[in-house]
C-alpha cells in the first residue's frame, strides 16, 4: 500500500510522536510511505531528530515556498524540494492520504 502523510503542523506538536510511530510501523510492514511538509510542517526540516523519517525508508517532500516564507533555507539531504502543485498531482497516486494539521 502507498501512504502519503500531509503535514502542516509544527514538529513540536503532539502529532510528532504519532507520525514517527506510524511511519516506522508502516515502513516495517513493507508499505511505501511518503511525507509532504507544507506550512508550519516545513519546520520538520530543522528538527535534528526528524531524519529518522528517511531512516525508516520514507520519502520526504516539502513545499519550497513554505520553507522560504518561514526562513528555512538549510535543507537536509533526506528531504526533496517540491510544491503544492506537485502535491495535488501526487495525491491521486496513493492508496491512503492522511493529513496532520
N, C-alpha and C. Protein backbone atom coordinates (compact mmCIF):
# COMPACT_ATOMS: atom_id res chain seq x y z
N UNK A 1 0.85 -1.17 0.00
CA UNK A 1 0.00 0.00 0.00
C UNK A 1 0.90 1.24 0.00
N UNK A 2 0.47 2.26 -0.72
CA UNK A 2 1.18 3.55 -0.76
C UNK A 2 0.43 4.54 0.12
N UNK A 3 1.17 5.13 1.08
CA UNK A 3 0.57 6.04 2.04
C UNK A 3 1.28 7.39 1.97
N UNK A 4 0.49 8.46 1.94
CA UNK A 4 1.01 9.82 1.94
C UNK A 4 0.54 10.54 3.18
N UNK A 5 1.48 11.10 3.93
CA UNK A 5 1.16 11.96 5.07
C UNK A 5 1.37 13.39 4.62
N UNK A 6 0.36 14.22 4.77
CA UNK A 6 0.49 15.65 4.51
C UNK A 6 0.54 16.32 5.88
N UNK A 7 1.63 17.01 6.15
CA UNK A 7 1.86 17.55 7.48
C UNK A 7 1.98 19.07 7.41
N UNK A 8 1.06 19.74 8.11
CA UNK A 8 1.11 21.21 8.18
C UNK A 8 1.30 21.69 9.61
N UNK A 9 1.37 20.77 10.56
CA UNK A 9 1.56 21.14 11.96
C UNK A 9 3.05 21.19 12.30
N UNK A 10 3.40 21.97 13.31
CA UNK A 10 4.80 22.08 13.72
C UNK A 10 5.28 20.76 14.31
N UNK A 11 6.58 20.48 14.19
CA UNK A 11 7.09 19.21 14.70
C UNK A 11 7.20 19.13 16.22
N UNK A 12 6.78 20.17 16.91
CA UNK A 12 6.82 20.15 18.36
C UNK A 12 5.42 19.97 18.94
N UNK A 13 4.46 19.68 18.07
CA UNK A 13 3.09 19.39 18.50
C UNK A 13 3.01 17.92 18.90
N UNK A 14 1.90 17.56 19.52
CA UNK A 14 1.73 16.17 19.97
C UNK A 14 1.66 15.20 18.80
N UNK A 15 1.39 15.70 17.59
CA UNK A 15 1.33 14.83 16.41
C UNK A 15 2.67 14.19 16.08
N UNK A 16 3.76 14.81 16.50
CA UNK A 16 5.09 14.36 16.07
C UNK A 16 5.34 12.88 16.40
N UNK A 17 5.12 12.49 17.65
CA UNK A 17 5.38 11.10 18.02
C UNK A 17 4.43 10.14 17.30
N UNK A 18 3.21 10.57 17.08
CA UNK A 18 2.25 9.74 16.35
C UNK A 18 2.73 9.51 14.92
N UNK A 19 3.19 10.57 14.28
CA UNK A 19 3.68 10.47 12.90
C UNK A 19 4.90 9.56 12.83
N UNK A 20 5.85 9.75 13.74
CA UNK A 20 7.05 8.91 13.77
C UNK A 20 6.66 7.44 13.92
N UNK A 21 5.78 7.14 14.86
CA UNK A 21 5.37 5.76 15.10
C UNK A 21 4.65 5.16 13.89
N UNK A 22 3.76 5.93 13.26
CA UNK A 22 3.05 5.43 12.08
C UNK A 22 4.00 5.16 10.93
N UNK A 23 4.91 6.09 10.69
CA UNK A 23 5.87 5.91 9.59
C UNK A 23 6.73 4.68 9.84
N UNK A 24 7.20 4.52 11.06
CA UNK A 24 8.03 3.37 11.39
C UNK A 24 7.28 2.06 11.17
N UNK A 25 6.07 1.98 11.70
CA UNK A 25 5.31 0.72 11.61
C UNK A 25 4.90 0.39 10.17
N UNK A 26 4.45 1.41 9.44
CA UNK A 26 4.05 1.17 8.05
C UNK A 26 5.24 0.75 7.20
N UNK A 27 6.38 1.40 7.41
CA UNK A 27 7.58 1.06 6.66
C UNK A 27 8.04 -0.36 6.96
N UNK A 28 8.01 -0.73 8.23
CA UNK A 28 8.44 -2.08 8.63
C UNK A 28 7.53 -3.16 8.05
N UNK A 29 6.28 -2.81 7.80
CA UNK A 29 5.35 -3.77 7.21
C UNK A 29 5.45 -3.80 5.68
N UNK A 30 6.36 -3.00 5.12
CA UNK A 30 6.60 -3.03 3.68
C UNK A 30 5.79 -2.05 2.86
N UNK A 31 5.10 -1.13 3.51
CA UNK A 31 4.32 -0.14 2.78
C UNK A 31 5.23 0.99 2.30
N UNK A 32 4.87 1.59 1.20
CA UNK A 32 5.61 2.74 0.66
C UNK A 32 5.05 3.99 1.32
N UNK A 33 5.91 4.72 2.03
CA UNK A 33 5.48 5.88 2.80
C UNK A 33 6.16 7.15 2.28
N UNK A 34 5.35 8.18 2.05
CA UNK A 34 5.84 9.49 1.66
C UNK A 34 5.26 10.51 2.62
N UNK A 35 6.01 11.58 2.86
CA UNK A 35 5.53 12.70 3.65
C UNK A 35 5.65 13.96 2.81
N UNK A 36 4.66 14.82 2.94
CA UNK A 36 4.73 16.13 2.29
C UNK A 36 4.58 17.17 3.39
N UNK A 37 5.62 17.99 3.55
CA UNK A 37 5.64 19.03 4.58
C UNK A 37 5.26 20.35 3.95
N UNK A 38 4.26 20.99 4.51
CA UNK A 38 3.79 22.27 4.00
C UNK A 38 3.44 23.18 5.16
N UNK A 39 3.36 24.48 4.93
CA UNK A 39 3.05 25.41 6.00
C UNK A 39 4.06 25.25 7.13
N UNK A 40 3.58 25.20 8.36
CA UNK A 40 4.48 25.03 9.50
C UNK A 40 5.13 23.65 9.56
N UNK A 41 4.65 22.73 8.76
CA UNK A 41 5.26 21.41 8.69
C UNK A 41 6.69 21.44 8.18
N UNK A 42 7.08 22.49 7.46
CA UNK A 42 8.47 22.57 6.97
C UNK A 42 9.46 22.69 8.11
N UNK A 43 8.99 23.02 9.30
CA UNK A 43 9.91 23.08 10.45
C UNK A 43 10.45 21.70 10.82
N UNK A 44 9.86 20.64 10.29
CA UNK A 44 10.44 19.30 10.46
C UNK A 44 11.86 19.29 9.89
N UNK A 45 12.12 20.10 8.89
CA UNK A 45 13.42 20.13 8.24
C UNK A 45 14.53 20.61 9.17
N UNK A 46 14.17 21.34 10.22
CA UNK A 46 15.20 21.84 11.13
C UNK A 46 15.20 21.11 12.47
N UNK A 47 14.28 20.20 12.66
CA UNK A 47 14.30 19.40 13.89
C UNK A 47 15.38 18.34 13.74
N UNK A 48 16.37 18.32 14.62
CA UNK A 48 17.53 17.43 14.45
C UNK A 48 17.21 15.95 14.34
N UNK A 49 16.20 15.47 15.05
CA UNK A 49 15.91 14.04 15.03
C UNK A 49 14.90 13.62 13.97
N UNK A 50 14.45 14.55 13.14
CA UNK A 50 13.45 14.22 12.11
C UNK A 50 14.04 13.39 10.97
N UNK A 51 15.36 13.30 10.90
CA UNK A 51 15.99 12.47 9.87
C UNK A 51 15.61 11.00 10.01
N UNK A 52 15.09 10.64 11.18
CA UNK A 52 14.67 9.25 11.41
C UNK A 52 13.59 8.85 10.40
N UNK A 53 12.83 9.81 9.90
CA UNK A 53 11.79 9.51 8.92
C UNK A 53 12.39 8.85 7.68
N UNK A 54 13.47 9.40 7.18
CA UNK A 54 14.11 8.81 6.00
C UNK A 54 14.84 7.52 6.36
N UNK A 55 15.32 7.44 7.59
CA UNK A 55 15.98 6.20 8.03
C UNK A 55 15.00 5.03 8.05
N UNK A 56 13.73 5.31 8.27
CA UNK A 56 12.70 4.28 8.22
C UNK A 56 12.34 3.93 6.78
N UNK A 57 12.84 4.70 5.82
CA UNK A 57 12.56 4.42 4.42
C UNK A 57 11.52 5.34 3.79
N UNK A 58 11.01 6.29 4.55
CA UNK A 58 10.01 7.22 4.00
C UNK A 58 10.70 8.24 3.10
N UNK A 59 9.98 8.67 2.08
CA UNK A 59 10.46 9.75 1.22
C UNK A 59 9.81 11.04 1.69
N UNK A 60 10.63 12.06 1.91
CA UNK A 60 10.15 13.32 2.47
C UNK A 60 10.22 14.41 1.41
N UNK A 61 9.09 15.03 1.13
CA UNK A 61 9.00 16.14 0.18
C UNK A 61 8.54 17.36 0.98
N UNK A 62 8.92 18.55 0.52
CA UNK A 62 8.47 19.75 1.21
C UNK A 62 8.16 20.86 0.23
N UNK A 63 7.26 21.73 0.62
CA UNK A 63 6.88 22.88 -0.20
C UNK A 63 7.98 23.93 -0.08
N UNK A 64 8.67 24.19 -1.17
CA UNK A 64 9.78 25.15 -1.13
C UNK A 64 9.29 26.56 -0.82
N UNK A 65 8.09 26.89 -1.25
CA UNK A 65 7.54 28.22 -0.96
C UNK A 65 7.30 28.39 0.54
N UNK A 66 6.73 27.38 1.18
CA UNK A 66 6.51 27.42 2.62
C UNK A 66 7.84 27.55 3.37
N UNK A 67 8.84 26.81 2.91
CA UNK A 67 10.16 26.87 3.55
C UNK A 67 10.75 28.28 3.41
N UNK A 68 10.65 28.84 2.24
CA UNK A 68 11.18 30.18 2.00
C UNK A 68 10.46 31.21 2.88
N UNK A 69 9.14 31.12 2.96
CA UNK A 69 8.35 32.05 3.79
C UNK A 69 8.75 32.00 5.26
N UNK A 70 9.15 30.83 5.72
CA UNK A 70 9.46 30.65 7.14
C UNK A 70 10.96 30.73 7.42
N UNK A 71 11.74 31.07 6.43
CA UNK A 71 13.18 31.24 6.63
C UNK A 71 13.95 29.94 6.79
N UNK A 72 13.35 28.84 6.35
CA UNK A 72 14.04 27.55 6.41
C UNK A 72 14.83 27.42 5.11
N UNK A 73 16.11 27.78 5.18
CA UNK A 73 16.90 27.77 3.97
C UNK A 73 17.97 26.68 3.96
N UNK A 74 18.19 26.05 5.09
CA UNK A 74 19.14 24.95 5.16
C UNK A 74 18.36 23.64 5.08
N UNK A 75 18.41 23.01 3.93
CA UNK A 75 17.60 21.82 3.68
C UNK A 75 18.46 20.57 3.85
N UNK A 76 18.02 19.63 4.68
CA UNK A 76 18.78 18.40 4.87
C UNK A 76 18.74 17.52 3.62
N UNK A 77 19.73 16.67 3.49
CA UNK A 77 19.84 15.81 2.30
C UNK A 77 18.71 14.79 2.20
N UNK A 78 18.02 14.52 3.28
CA UNK A 78 16.98 13.50 3.27
C UNK A 78 15.62 14.03 2.80
N UNK A 79 15.55 15.32 2.44
CA UNK A 79 14.28 15.91 2.00
C UNK A 79 14.42 16.46 0.59
N UNK A 80 13.33 16.39 -0.15
CA UNK A 80 13.30 16.82 -1.55
C UNK A 80 12.36 18.02 -1.71
N UNK A 81 12.87 19.06 -2.35
CA UNK A 81 12.07 20.26 -2.61
C UNK A 81 10.95 19.95 -3.59
N UNK A 82 9.78 20.51 -3.31
CA UNK A 82 8.62 20.27 -4.16
C UNK A 82 7.69 21.49 -4.08
N UNK A 83 6.43 21.29 -4.44
CA UNK A 83 5.46 22.38 -4.42
C UNK A 83 4.07 21.81 -4.15
N UNK A 84 3.14 22.69 -3.82
CA UNK A 84 1.77 22.22 -3.60
C UNK A 84 1.14 21.75 -4.91
N UNK A 85 1.62 22.27 -6.02
CA UNK A 85 1.15 21.76 -7.31
C UNK A 85 1.54 20.28 -7.43
N UNK A 86 2.78 19.96 -7.09
CA UNK A 86 3.21 18.55 -7.13
C UNK A 86 2.42 17.71 -6.13
N UNK A 87 2.09 18.30 -4.99
CA UNK A 87 1.27 17.58 -4.00
C UNK A 87 -0.07 17.21 -4.61
N UNK A 88 -0.69 18.14 -5.33
CA UNK A 88 -2.00 17.85 -5.93
C UNK A 88 -1.89 16.72 -6.95
N UNK A 89 -0.79 16.63 -7.64
CA UNK A 89 -0.58 15.54 -8.60
C UNK A 89 -0.29 14.23 -7.89
N UNK A 90 0.43 14.30 -6.77
CA UNK A 90 0.81 13.10 -6.03
C UNK A 90 -0.38 12.43 -5.37
N UNK A 91 -1.33 13.21 -4.91
CA UNK A 91 -2.43 12.66 -4.11
C UNK A 91 -3.19 11.53 -4.81
N UNK A 92 -3.32 11.60 -6.10
CA UNK A 92 -4.02 10.56 -6.84
C UNK A 92 -3.25 9.27 -6.97
N UNK A 93 -1.95 9.30 -6.65
CA UNK A 93 -1.10 8.11 -6.78
C UNK A 93 -1.08 7.23 -5.53
N UNK A 94 -1.71 7.68 -4.46
CA UNK A 94 -1.62 6.98 -3.19
C UNK A 94 -2.93 6.31 -2.81
N UNK A 95 -2.79 5.18 -2.11
CA UNK A 95 -3.97 4.46 -1.63
C UNK A 95 -4.61 5.16 -0.44
N UNK A 96 -3.79 5.76 0.40
CA UNK A 96 -4.27 6.47 1.59
C UNK A 96 -3.54 7.81 1.69
N UNK A 97 -4.28 8.86 2.03
CA UNK A 97 -3.72 10.18 2.30
C UNK A 97 -4.19 10.59 3.68
N UNK A 98 -3.23 10.86 4.57
CA UNK A 98 -3.55 11.22 5.94
C UNK A 98 -2.98 12.61 6.19
N UNK A 99 -3.83 13.51 6.71
CA UNK A 99 -3.42 14.90 6.93
C UNK A 99 -3.31 15.18 8.41
N UNK A 100 -2.20 15.77 8.80
CA UNK A 100 -1.99 16.24 10.17
C UNK A 100 -1.89 17.74 10.15
N UNK A 101 -2.86 18.40 10.78
CA UNK A 101 -2.88 19.86 10.79
C UNK A 101 -2.98 20.35 12.21
